N, C-alpha and C. Protein backbone atom coordinates (compact mmCIF):
# COMPACT_ATOMS: atom_id res chain seq x y z
N UNK A 1 -6.15 -13.17 20.26
CA UNK A 1 -5.61 -11.84 20.56
C UNK A 1 -6.29 -10.71 21.04
N UNK A 2 -7.25 -10.85 20.01
CA UNK A 2 -8.28 -10.36 19.43
C UNK A 2 -9.17 -9.81 21.32
N UNK A 3 -10.05 -10.46 21.54
CA UNK A 3 -10.83 -10.64 22.71
C UNK A 3 -9.47 -10.25 23.71
N UNK A 4 -8.24 -9.95 23.98
CA UNK A 4 -7.14 -9.20 24.94
C UNK A 4 -7.52 -8.33 25.01
N UNK A 5 -7.43 -7.81 23.77
CA UNK A 5 -6.90 -6.82 22.94
C UNK A 5 -8.06 -6.05 23.73
N UNK A 6 -9.57 -6.41 23.39
CA UNK A 6 -10.79 -5.71 23.73
C UNK A 6 -10.33 -5.55 25.28
N UNK A 7 -11.14 -6.58 25.75
CA UNK A 7 -10.61 -6.35 27.08
C UNK A 7 -9.26 -6.05 27.41
N UNK A 8 -8.65 -4.83 27.70
CA UNK A 8 -7.59 -4.67 28.15
C UNK A 8 -8.22 -3.16 28.21
N UNK A 9 -8.97 -2.92 26.42
CA UNK A 9 -8.97 -1.32 26.08
C UNK A 9 -10.43 -1.79 26.94
N UNK A 10 -11.46 -1.93 26.94
CA UNK A 10 -12.06 -2.00 28.36
C UNK A 10 -11.29 -1.40 29.88
N UNK A 11 -10.91 -2.14 29.70
CA UNK A 11 -10.18 -1.44 31.42
C UNK A 11 -9.64 -0.18 31.37
N UNK A 12 -8.98 0.12 30.17
CA UNK A 12 -8.87 1.76 30.12
C UNK A 12 -9.70 2.46 29.58
N UNK A 13 -10.30 2.26 30.00
CA UNK A 13 -11.61 3.43 29.70
C UNK A 13 -11.82 3.52 31.07
N UNK A 14 -12.15 2.25 31.94
CA UNK A 14 -12.88 1.89 33.15
C UNK A 14 -11.69 3.44 33.80
N UNK A 15 -10.06 2.71 33.72
CA UNK A 15 -9.38 4.01 34.14
C UNK A 15 -9.66 5.79 33.92
N UNK A 16 -10.12 5.15 32.84
CA UNK A 16 -9.78 6.45 32.34
C UNK A 16 -11.63 7.11 32.79
N UNK A 17 -12.08 6.60 32.81
CA UNK A 17 -13.52 7.32 33.63
C UNK A 17 -13.01 7.54 35.55
N UNK A 18 -12.47 6.71 35.88
CA UNK A 18 -11.95 6.94 37.11
C UNK A 18 -11.56 7.69 37.70
N UNK A 19 -10.12 7.80 36.22
CA UNK A 19 -9.68 9.27 36.70
C UNK A 19 -10.10 10.71 36.37
N UNK A 20 -10.87 10.70 35.60
CA UNK A 20 -11.81 11.21 35.21
C UNK A 20 -12.71 12.55 36.54
N UNK A 21 -13.66 10.81 36.89
CA UNK A 21 -14.84 11.18 38.42
C UNK A 21 -13.79 11.06 39.58
N UNK A 22 -13.41 10.49 39.87
CA UNK A 22 -12.54 10.18 41.66
C UNK A 22 -12.99 11.72 42.33
N UNK A 23 -13.00 12.13 43.04
CA UNK A 23 -12.57 13.21 44.29
C UNK A 23 -11.76 12.42 44.71
N UNK A 24 -10.96 11.48 44.75
CA UNK A 24 -9.82 11.67 45.81
C UNK A 24 -9.47 11.68 45.33
N UNK A 25 -8.57 13.03 45.74
CA UNK A 25 -7.11 12.99 45.11
C UNK A 25 -5.58 12.02 45.50
N UNK A 26 -6.23 11.57 46.85
CA UNK A 26 -5.22 10.45 46.57
C UNK A 26 -4.79 9.42 45.81
N UNK A 27 -6.02 9.17 45.15
CA UNK A 27 -6.20 8.02 44.07
C UNK A 27 -5.46 8.10 42.54
N UNK A 28 -5.14 9.42 41.58
CA UNK A 28 -5.24 10.21 40.60
C UNK A 28 -3.44 9.24 40.31
N UNK A 29 -2.87 9.55 41.79
CA UNK A 29 -1.55 8.82 40.99
C UNK A 29 -1.69 7.05 40.99
N UNK A 30 -2.34 6.73 41.89
CA UNK A 30 -2.78 5.39 41.31
C UNK A 30 -2.83 5.31 40.48
N UNK A 31 -4.04 5.44 39.83
CA UNK A 31 -5.28 5.13 38.69
C UNK A 31 -3.96 5.89 37.46
N UNK A 32 -2.95 6.60 36.95
CA UNK A 32 -1.72 7.38 36.62
C UNK A 32 -0.95 5.95 36.37
N UNK A 33 -0.36 5.74 37.47
CA UNK A 33 0.23 4.47 37.33
C UNK A 33 -0.32 2.96 36.29
N UNK A 34 -1.99 3.27 36.42
CA UNK A 34 -1.73 1.72 36.33
C UNK A 34 -2.17 2.14 34.53
N UNK A 35 -2.52 3.84 34.28
CA UNK A 35 -2.85 3.69 32.85
C UNK A 35 -1.65 3.68 31.62
N UNK A 36 -0.05 4.01 33.20
CA UNK A 36 0.73 4.28 31.86
C UNK A 36 1.80 1.81 31.85
N UNK A 37 1.11 1.16 33.17
CA UNK A 37 0.78 0.62 32.67
C UNK A 37 0.56 -0.81 31.68
N UNK A 38 -1.00 0.41 31.37
CA UNK A 38 -2.14 -0.48 30.96
C UNK A 38 -0.68 -0.65 28.72
N UNK A 39 -0.56 0.80 28.89
CA UNK A 39 0.50 1.40 27.86
C UNK A 39 1.53 0.92 27.55
N UNK A 40 2.25 0.31 28.29
CA UNK A 40 3.05 -0.68 28.75
C UNK A 40 2.76 -2.33 28.34
N UNK A 41 1.61 -2.82 28.08
CA UNK A 41 0.67 -4.10 27.70
C UNK A 41 0.15 -3.80 26.33
N UNK A 42 0.14 -2.81 25.50
CA UNK A 42 -0.64 -2.84 24.42
C UNK A 42 1.04 -2.93 23.69
N UNK A 43 2.14 -1.76 24.09
CA UNK A 43 3.21 -2.33 23.07
C UNK A 43 3.55 -3.63 23.61
N UNK A 44 3.36 -3.64 24.25
CA UNK A 44 4.54 -5.32 24.63
C UNK A 44 2.98 -6.45 23.66
N UNK A 45 2.05 -6.55 23.86
CA UNK A 45 1.04 -7.09 23.04
C UNK A 45 1.08 -7.13 21.57
N UNK A 46 1.67 -6.02 20.91
CA UNK A 46 1.60 -5.31 20.41
C UNK A 46 3.12 -5.79 19.57
N UNK A 47 3.85 -5.43 19.82
CA UNK A 47 5.23 -5.91 19.17
C UNK A 47 5.45 -8.30 19.78
N UNK A 48 4.70 -8.48 20.43
CA UNK A 48 5.07 -10.12 20.41
C UNK A 48 3.82 -10.69 20.73
N UNK A 49 2.85 -10.23 20.27
CA UNK A 49 2.06 -11.32 19.72
C UNK A 49 1.40 -12.40 21.16
N UNK A 50 1.80 -12.44 22.21
CA UNK A 50 1.83 -13.00 23.38
C UNK A 50 1.54 -12.71 24.63
N UNK A 51 0.54 -12.77 25.37
CA UNK A 51 0.66 -12.88 26.98
C UNK A 51 1.65 -13.03 27.87
N UNK A 52 2.99 -14.09 27.35
CA UNK A 52 3.49 -14.50 27.39
C UNK A 52 4.93 -12.39 28.07
N UNK A 53 4.53 -11.71 26.96
CA UNK A 53 5.26 -10.72 27.62
C UNK A 53 5.12 -10.15 28.54
N UNK A 54 3.73 -10.07 28.55
CA UNK A 54 2.60 -8.76 29.59
C UNK A 54 2.54 -9.30 31.26
N UNK A 55 3.55 -11.24 31.46
CA UNK A 55 2.60 -11.67 32.25
C UNK A 55 3.20 -11.43 33.38
N UNK A 56 4.70 -10.74 33.77
CA UNK A 56 5.21 -9.38 34.77
C UNK A 56 4.40 -8.45 35.55
N UNK A 57 4.34 -7.83 34.20
CA UNK A 57 3.22 -6.64 34.48
C UNK A 57 1.43 -7.05 34.82
N UNK A 58 1.44 -7.63 34.38
CA UNK A 58 0.08 -8.53 34.35
C UNK A 58 0.12 -8.81 36.93
N UNK A 59 0.14 -9.99 36.53
CA UNK A 59 1.54 -10.50 38.26
C UNK A 59 1.62 -8.21 38.91
N UNK A 60 2.06 -8.05 38.51
CA UNK A 60 2.66 -6.45 39.54
C UNK A 60 1.62 -5.27 39.85
N UNK A 61 0.24 -5.66 38.44
CA UNK A 61 -0.89 -4.75 38.64
C UNK A 61 -1.75 -5.22 39.43
N UNK A 62 -1.95 -7.04 39.39
CA UNK A 62 -3.06 -7.55 40.63
C UNK A 62 -2.39 -6.98 42.02
N UNK A 63 -1.16 -7.76 42.31
CA UNK A 63 -1.04 -7.30 42.88
C UNK A 63 -1.57 -6.09 43.83
N UNK A 64 -1.21 -4.78 42.75
CA UNK A 64 -1.69 -3.41 43.27
C UNK A 64 -3.26 -3.19 43.25
N UNK A 65 -3.80 -3.50 42.58
CA UNK A 65 -5.36 -4.50 41.95
C UNK A 65 -5.44 -4.42 43.74
N UNK A 66 -5.37 -5.01 44.31
CA UNK A 66 -6.00 -6.22 46.08
C UNK A 66 -5.05 -4.99 47.24
N UNK A 67 -3.65 -4.15 47.23
CA UNK A 67 -4.40 -3.50 47.78
C UNK A 67 -5.06 -2.47 48.44
N UNK A 68 -5.27 -2.09 47.12
CA UNK A 68 -5.42 -0.48 47.17
C UNK A 68 -6.82 -0.28 45.45
N UNK A 69 -7.34 -0.84 46.74
CA UNK A 69 -8.63 -0.29 45.54
C UNK A 69 -9.38 1.15 45.26
N UNK A 70 -10.03 1.33 44.26
CA UNK A 70 -10.46 2.27 43.74
C UNK A 70 -11.85 2.54 44.20
N UNK A 71 -12.12 3.32 45.36
CA UNK A 71 -13.75 4.31 45.52
C UNK A 71 -14.61 3.74 44.29
N UNK A 72 -15.78 4.29 44.91
CA UNK A 72 -17.65 4.38 43.80
C UNK A 72 -16.61 3.30 42.69
N UNK A 73 -18.25 3.21 41.66
CA UNK A 73 -18.87 2.80 41.39
C UNK A 73 -17.54 2.91 40.35
N UNK A 74 -17.17 4.20 39.91
CA UNK A 74 -15.94 3.28 38.93
C UNK A 74 -14.54 2.43 39.17
N UNK A 75 -14.49 2.37 41.03
CA UNK A 75 -13.65 1.73 41.71
C UNK A 75 -14.12 -0.06 41.00
N UNK A 76 -15.73 0.00 41.23
CA UNK A 76 -16.49 -0.99 40.77
C UNK A 76 -16.06 -1.97 39.71
N UNK A 77 -16.10 -0.58 39.02
CA UNK A 77 -16.77 -0.68 37.63
C UNK A 77 -14.62 -1.41 36.51
N UNK A 78 -13.70 -0.15 37.60
CA UNK A 78 -12.63 -1.36 37.02
C UNK A 78 -11.94 -2.33 37.53
N UNK A 79 -12.36 -2.63 39.10
CA UNK A 79 -12.70 -4.00 38.85
C UNK A 79 -12.91 -5.35 38.23
N UNK A 80 -13.87 -4.91 38.59
CA UNK A 80 -15.01 -5.88 37.12
C UNK A 80 -13.89 -6.54 35.43
N UNK A 81 -13.53 -4.69 35.07
CA UNK A 81 -13.19 -4.95 33.63
C UNK A 81 -10.87 -5.39 33.55
N UNK A 82 -10.95 -5.27 35.03
CA UNK A 82 -9.51 -5.87 35.45
C UNK A 82 -9.82 -7.66 35.38
N UNK A 83 -10.96 -7.83 35.70
CA UNK A 83 -10.76 -9.56 36.33
C UNK A 83 -11.48 -9.69 34.64
N UNK A 84 -11.72 -8.75 33.98
CA UNK A 84 -12.53 -10.20 32.75
C UNK A 84 -11.30 -9.60 32.01
N UNK A 85 -10.43 -8.76 31.66
CA UNK A 85 -8.63 -8.65 31.05
C UNK A 85 -7.91 -10.14 31.34
N UNK A 86 -7.75 -10.10 33.18
CA UNK A 86 -6.62 -10.95 33.34
C UNK A 86 -8.00 -12.71 33.05
N UNK A 87 -9.33 -13.01 32.93
CA UNK A 87 -9.73 -14.04 32.31
C UNK A 87 -9.60 -14.06 30.65
N UNK A 88 -9.55 -13.16 30.14
CA UNK A 88 -9.41 -13.71 28.99
C UNK A 88 -7.47 -13.38 28.33
N UNK A 89 -6.62 -12.35 29.36
CA UNK A 89 -5.49 -13.04 28.92
C UNK A 89 -5.27 -14.53 29.27
N UNK A 90 -5.68 -14.70 30.46
CA UNK A 90 -5.10 -16.68 30.91
C UNK A 90 -3.88 -16.35 32.36
N UNK A 91 -4.54 -15.34 32.49
CA UNK A 91 -2.91 -14.87 34.06
C UNK A 91 -3.62 -14.79 34.95
N UNK A 92 -3.45 -15.97 36.02
CA UNK A 92 -3.66 -15.50 37.14
C UNK A 92 -2.84 -15.42 38.70
């Protein structure tokens, strides 16, 4: 569980950086939604101590990442951190 939380934290900071640095106004609501999903995943992981509790959120977020990639280096970093989190969580 510790590695999963560490990877989720890395993803969170990548999203924060993307939100602070993006010049694309249309990306801000998308990043904010991702951050809200992160908050829910943290809460569910804390409460249930299992990735099964976040499976539905991860699947929904994965679709969102596939449909609308974020721009620039921050967008690439978000994608890398998301994939690292998914790998650690064992959810495909």
